[in-house]
């Protein structure tokens, strides 16, 4: 007897592999996706993001609109935008220069990391 099983993932994964540029290590700030039973839901996979000059590359497209913010050292928002569904690149303004904290808001989760432009 021969048994064959196949699983197809129909999520939002892109072409796979790492995007071009320098990887941005991300941490998670919060997870408010708890279940009513009191047991927390596992957070989604951390996005894979890299930076090349002023362009952000996302390894996978998002299935929802994602908010992006850049804050300077004082915590002031210097740039914010919404990344449309399916977008995998974002060109940041060339006028930005320095070190910033990037915040990526996906649903109730917030990922953050440091970038230098």
C-alpha atoms as a PDB file:
ATOM      1  CA  UNK A   1       0.000   0.000   0.000  1.00  0.00           C
ATOM      2  CA  UNK A   2       1.335   3.438  -0.974  1.00  0.00           C
ATOM      3  CA  UNK A   3       0.241   6.518   0.950  1.00  0.00           C
ATOM      4  CA  UNK A   4       1.035   9.990  -0.303  1.00  0.00           C
ATOM      5  CA  UNK A   5       0.180  13.237   1.457  1.00  0.00           C
ATOM      6  CA  UNK A   6       0.645  16.735   0.172  1.00  0.00           C
ATOM      7  CA  UNK A   7       0.243  20.014   2.021  1.00  0.00           C
ATOM      8  CA  UNK A   8      -0.122  23.264   0.144  1.00  0.00           C
ATOM      9  CA  UNK A   9       0.384  26.564   1.939  1.00  0.00           C
ATOM     10  CA  UNK A  10      -1.886  29.252   0.569  1.00  0.00           C
ATOM     11  CA  UNK A  11      -0.617  32.062   2.790  1.00  0.00           C
ATOM     12  CA  UNK A  12       1.094  35.298   1.902  1.00  0.00           C
ATOM     13  CA  UNK A  13       4.597  33.993   1.458  1.00  0.00           C
ATOM     14  CA  UNK A  14       6.558  35.558  -1.356  1.00  0.00           C
ATOM     15  CA  UNK A  15       9.272  34.048  -3.467  1.00  0.00           C
ATOM     16  CA  UNK A  16      11.115  32.839  -0.402  1.00  0.00           C
ATOM     17  CA  UNK A  17      14.717  33.501   0.402  1.00  0.00           C
ATOM     18  CA  UNK A  18      16.170  36.661   1.797  1.00  0.00           C
ATOM     19  CA  UNK A  19      15.410  40.055   0.282  1.00  0.00           C
ATOM     20  CA  UNK A  20      18.316  42.170  -1.023  1.00  0.00           C
ATOM     21  CA  UNK A  21      20.171  44.566   1.255  1.00  0.00           C
ATOM     22  CA  UNK A  22      21.187  44.474   4.902  1.00  0.00           C
ATOM     23  CA  UNK A  23      18.805  42.468   7.144  1.00  0.00           C
ATOM     24  CA  UNK A  24      17.036  44.424   9.885  1.00  0.00           C
ATOM     25  CA  UNK A  25      16.801  42.426  13.137  1.00  0.00           C
ATOM     26  CA  UNK A  26      13.294  42.904  14.528  1.00  0.00           C
ATOM     27  CA  UNK A  27      11.880  42.417  17.998  1.00  0.00           C
ATOM     28  CA  UNK A  28       8.232  42.287  19.030  1.00  0.00           C
ATOM     29  CA  UNK A  29       6.719  44.870  21.395  1.00  0.00           C
ATOM     30  CA  UNK A  30       3.283  43.480  22.140  1.00  0.00           C
ATOM     31  CA  UNK A  31       0.936  40.630  21.447  1.00  0.00           C
ATOM     32  CA  UNK A  32      -2.694  41.380  22.187  1.00  0.00           C
ATOM     33  CA  UNK A  33      -3.944  38.359  20.267  1.00  0.00           C
ATOM     34  CA  UNK A  34      -4.988  36.370  23.337  1.00  0.00           C
ATOM     35  CA  UNK A  35      -7.820  33.881  23.208  1.00  0.00           C
ATOM     36  CA  UNK A  36     -10.915  34.209  25.381  1.00  0.00           C
ATOM     37  CA  UNK A  37      -9.889  31.031  27.168  1.00  0.00           C
ATOM     38  CA  UNK A  38      -6.944  32.900  28.664  1.00  0.00           C
ATOM     39  CA  UNK A  39      -4.334  31.024  26.653  1.00  0.00           C
ATOM     40  CA  UNK A  40      -2.284  33.341  24.440  1.00  0.00           C
ATOM     41  CA  UNK A  41      -2.145  32.800  20.707  1.00  0.00           C
ATOM     42  CA  UNK A  42       1.296  32.291  19.212  1.00  0.00           C
ATOM     43  CA  UNK A  43       2.530  35.410  17.429  1.00  0.00           C
ATOM     44  CA  UNK A  44       2.861  35.369  13.667  1.00  0.00           C
ATOM     45  CA  UNK A  45       6.262  34.864  12.093  1.00  0.00           C
ATOM     46  CA  UNK A  46       8.470  37.906  12.456  1.00  0.00           C
ATOM     47  CA  UNK A  47       8.658  39.723   9.115  1.00  0.00           C
ATOM     48  CA  UNK A  48      11.931  39.450   7.214  1.00  0.00           C
ATOM     49  CA  UNK A  49      12.956  42.964   6.242  1.00  0.00           C
ATOM     50  CA  UNK A  50      16.154  44.384   4.785  1.00  0.00           C
ATOM     51  CA  UNK A  51      17.422  47.823   3.840  1.00  0.00           C
ATOM     52  CA  UNK A  52      19.432  48.829   0.782  1.00  0.00           C
ATOM     53  CA  UNK A  53      20.142  52.574   0.633  1.00  0.00           C
ATOM     54  CA  UNK A  54      16.646  54.087   1.211  1.00  0.00           C
ATOM     55  CA  UNK A  55      14.641  51.057   0.075  1.00  0.00           C
ATOM     56  CA  UNK A  56      13.027  48.580   2.460  1.00  0.00           C
ATOM     57  CA  UNK A  57      12.522  45.058   1.121  1.00  0.00           C
ATOM     58  CA  UNK A  58      10.020  42.641   2.654  1.00  0.00           C
ATOM     59  CA  UNK A  59      10.634  38.931   1.947  1.00  0.00           C
ATOM     60  CA  UNK A  60       6.906  38.202   2.087  1.00  0.00           C
ATOM     61  CA  UNK A  61       3.895  40.224   1.058  1.00  0.00           C
ATOM     62  CA  UNK A  62       1.362  41.019   3.770  1.00  0.00           C
ATOM     63  CA  UNK A  63      -2.294  40.010   3.469  1.00  0.00           C
ATOM     64  CA  UNK A  64      -3.391  43.225   5.169  1.00  0.00           C
ATOM     65  CA  UNK A  65      -2.428  46.887   5.140  1.00  0.00           C
ATOM     66  CA  UNK A  66       0.629  47.372   7.362  1.00  0.00           C
ATOM     67  CA  UNK A  67       1.527  50.654   9.093  1.00  0.00           C
ATOM     68  CA  UNK A  68       5.185  51.702   9.029  1.00  0.00           C
ATOM     69  CA  UNK A  69       6.694  54.404  11.251  1.00  0.00           C
ATOM     70  CA  UNK A  70      10.196  55.784  11.664  1.00  0.00           C
ATOM     71  CA  UNK A  71      11.044  57.547  14.922  1.00  0.00           C
ATOM     72  CA  UNK A  72      14.177  59.505  15.726  1.00  0.00           C
ATOM     73  CA  UNK A  73      16.187  59.201  18.957  1.00  0.00           C
ATOM     74  CA  UNK A  74      13.775  61.517  20.809  1.00  0.00           C
ATOM     75  CA  UNK A  75      10.793  59.340  19.838  1.00  0.00           C
ATOM     76  CA  UNK A  76       9.395  61.814  17.325  1.00  0.00           C
ATOM     77  CA  UNK A  77       7.695  60.246  14.301  1.00  0.00           C
ATOM     78  CA  UNK A  78       9.653  61.507  11.282  1.00  0.00           C
ATOM     79  CA  UNK A  79       7.923  59.322   8.689  1.00  0.00           C
ATOM     80  CA  UNK A  80       4.812  57.170   8.556  1.00  0.00           C
ATOM     81  CA  UNK A  81       2.926  55.392   5.822  1.00  0.00           C
ATOM     82  CA  UNK A  82       0.639  52.454   5.178  1.00  0.00           C
ATOM     83  CA  UNK A  83       2.077  49.605   3.132  1.00  0.00           C
ATOM     84  CA  UNK A  84      -0.647  48.379   0.735  1.00  0.00           C
ATOM     85  CA  UNK A  85      -1.586  44.694   0.608  1.00  0.00           C
ATOM     86  CA  UNK A  86       0.894  42.681  -1.460  1.00  0.00           C
ATOM     87  CA  UNK A  87       3.646  45.328  -1.473  1.00  0.00           C
ATOM     88  CA  UNK A  88       7.173  44.063  -0.907  1.00  0.00           C
ATOM     89  CA  UNK A  89       9.246  47.247  -1.305  1.00  0.00           C
ATOM     90  CA  UNK A  90       9.048  50.710   0.199  1.00  0.00           C
ATOM     91  CA  UNK A  91      11.249  53.602  -0.878  1.00  0.00           C
ATOM     92  CA  UNK A  92      11.890  55.938   2.036  1.00  0.00           C
ATOM     93  CA  UNK A  93      12.390  59.681   1.445  1.00  0.00           C
ATOM     94  CA  UNK A  94      15.956  60.549   0.430  1.00  0.00           C
ATOM     95  CA  UNK A  95      15.800  63.505   2.835  1.00  0.00           C
ATOM     96  CA  UNK A  96      15.961  61.129   5.817  1.00  0.00           C
ATOM     97  CA  UNK A  97      19.458  60.694   7.171  1.00  0.00           C
ATOM     98  CA  UNK A  98      20.607  59.192  10.459  1.00  0.00           C
ATOM     99  CA  UNK A  99      19.608  56.368  12.780  1.00  0.00           C
ATOM    100  CA  UNK A 100      15.935  55.623  13.318  1.00  0.00           C
ATOM    101  CA  UNK A 101      13.754  53.038  15.006  1.00  0.00           C
ATOM    102  CA  UNK A 102      11.391  51.419  12.508  1.00  0.00           C
ATOM    103  CA  UNK A 103       8.013  50.217  13.732  1.00  0.00           C
ATOM    104  CA  UNK A 104       5.990  47.745  11.690  1.00  0.00           C
ATOM    105  CA  UNK A 105       2.379  47.333  12.859  1.00  0.00           C
ATOM    106  CA  UNK A 106       0.777  44.088  11.692  1.00  0.00           C
ATOM    107  CA  UNK A 107      -2.672  43.587  13.183  1.00  0.00           C
ATOM    108  CA  UNK A 108      -2.252  43.855  16.961  1.00  0.00           C
ATOM    109  CA  UNK A 109       1.472  43.139  16.765  1.00  0.00           C
ATOM    110  CA  UNK A 110       4.260  45.699  16.601  1.00  0.00           C
ATOM    111  CA  UNK A 111       7.760  44.795  15.430  1.00  0.00           C
ATOM    112  CA  UNK A 112      10.663  47.224  15.774  1.00  0.00           C
ATOM    113  CA  UNK A 113      14.329  47.509  14.874  1.00  0.00           C
ATOM    114  CA  UNK A 114      17.091  50.030  14.164  1.00  0.00           C
ATOM    115  CA  UNK A 115      17.987  51.346  10.728  1.00  0.00           C
ATOM    116  CA  UNK A 116      20.596  53.814   9.536  1.00  0.00           C
ATOM    117  CA  UNK A 117      19.984  55.868   6.425  1.00  0.00           C
END
